[in-house]
Amino acid sequence: MSSFRRWVEKAEATGLEAIGRFVRHLRKDWAAVENAVRHAWSNGPVEGHINPLKMLKRQLYGRAKFVLLSARSLALTA
């Protein structure tokens, strides 16, 4: 038995409602949770590139024309 499964069983045994609710939600997609714990894969580098673009979009949404948006986005890639 994995240490994660043991942790889940101990968490359920605490009797605390919030932890029990958390574990119930984990069990809804148990295969995905186990894979996330087992594998050392991360989408952090992808999110690191997307985040500045999303921030730029939020800053300029509704306040600037396409010319300013393209100038700001080109500055991010340079």
Protein backbone atom coordinates (compact mmCIF):
# COMPACT_ATOMS: atom_id res chain seq x y z
CA MET A 1 0.00 0.00 0.00
CA SER A 2 1.31 3.41 -0.93
CA SER A 3 2.04 6.03 1.67
CA PHE A 4 -0.59 8.24 0.02
CA ARG A 5 -3.28 5.61 0.52
CA ARG A 6 -2.25 5.28 4.16
CA TRP A 7 -2.48 9.04 4.55
CA VAL A 8 -5.99 9.03 3.06
CA GLU A 9 -7.09 6.28 5.43
CA LYS A 10 -5.65 8.16 8.44
CA ALA A 11 -7.31 11.37 7.24
CA GLU A 12 -10.68 9.64 7.04
CA ALA A 13 -10.18 8.17 10.51
CA THR A 14 -9.79 11.62 12.09
CA GLY A 15 -13.54 12.15 11.94
CA LEU A 16 -13.12 15.80 10.96
CA GLU A 17 -15.83 16.81 8.50
CA ALA A 18 -13.66 19.12 6.37
CA ILE A 19 -10.97 16.47 5.89
CA GLY A 20 -13.59 13.82 5.17
CA ARG A 21 -15.16 16.03 2.52
CA PHE A 22 -11.72 16.63 0.98
CA VAL A 23 -11.03 12.88 0.82
CA ARG A 24 -14.46 12.20 -0.72
CA HIS A 25 -13.63 14.65 -3.50
CA LEU A 26 -10.24 12.98 -4.02
CA ARG A 27 -11.93 9.61 -4.41
CA LYS A 28 -14.17 10.93 -7.21
CA ASP A 29 -11.19 10.88 -9.57
CA TRP A 30 -8.83 8.58 -7.72
CA ALA A 31 -6.84 7.51 -10.81
CA ALA A 32 -5.93 11.12 -11.62
CA VAL A 33 -4.97 11.80 -7.99
CA GLU A 34 -2.73 8.74 -7.82
CA ASN A 35 -1.05 9.65 -11.10
CA ALA A 36 -0.43 13.20 -9.89
CA VAL A 37 1.22 11.87 -6.74
CA ARG A 38 3.17 9.09 -8.48
CA HIS A 39 4.61 10.94 -11.49
CA ALA A 40 7.05 13.84 -11.38
CA TRP A 41 5.46 15.67 -14.31
CA SER A 42 4.55 19.34 -14.04
CA ASN A 43 2.95 21.90 -16.32
CA GLY A 44 4.72 24.72 -14.47
CA PRO A 45 6.90 25.79 -17.42
CA VAL A 46 3.84 26.05 -19.66
CA GLU A 47 1.95 28.11 -17.08
CA GLY A 48 5.01 30.31 -16.70
CA HIS A 49 4.70 31.35 -20.34
CA ILE A 50 0.92 31.71 -20.37
CA ASN A 51 0.62 33.77 -17.19
CA PRO A 52 2.26 36.98 -18.53
CA LEU A 53 0.05 36.85 -21.62
CA LYS A 54 -3.09 36.46 -19.51
CA MET A 55 -1.99 39.32 -17.28
CA LEU A 56 -1.42 41.53 -20.31
CA LYS A 57 -4.84 40.66 -21.70
CA ARG A 58 -6.51 41.52 -18.40
CA GLN A 59 -4.64 44.83 -18.16
CA LEU A 60 -5.63 45.95 -21.63
CA TYR A 61 -9.09 44.42 -21.94
CA GLY A 62 -11.50 47.11 -23.03
CA ARG A 63 -8.98 49.94 -22.58
CA ALA A 64 -6.68 49.78 -25.58
CA LYS A 65 -6.70 49.27 -29.30
CA PHE A 66 -4.97 46.38 -31.04
CA VAL A 67 -1.88 48.53 -31.76
CA LEU A 68 -1.08 48.92 -28.06
CA LEU A 69 -1.85 45.28 -27.35
CA SER A 70 0.50 44.09 -30.11
CA ALA A 71 3.25 46.48 -28.95
CA ARG A 72 2.99 45.20 -25.37
CA SER A 73 2.90 41.54 -26.42
CA LEU A 74 5.93 41.96 -28.72
CA ALA A 75 7.83 43.49 -25.80
CA LEU A 76 7.16 40.31 -23.78
CA THR A 77 8.64 38.05 -26.45
CA ALA A 78 11.73 40.18 -27.17
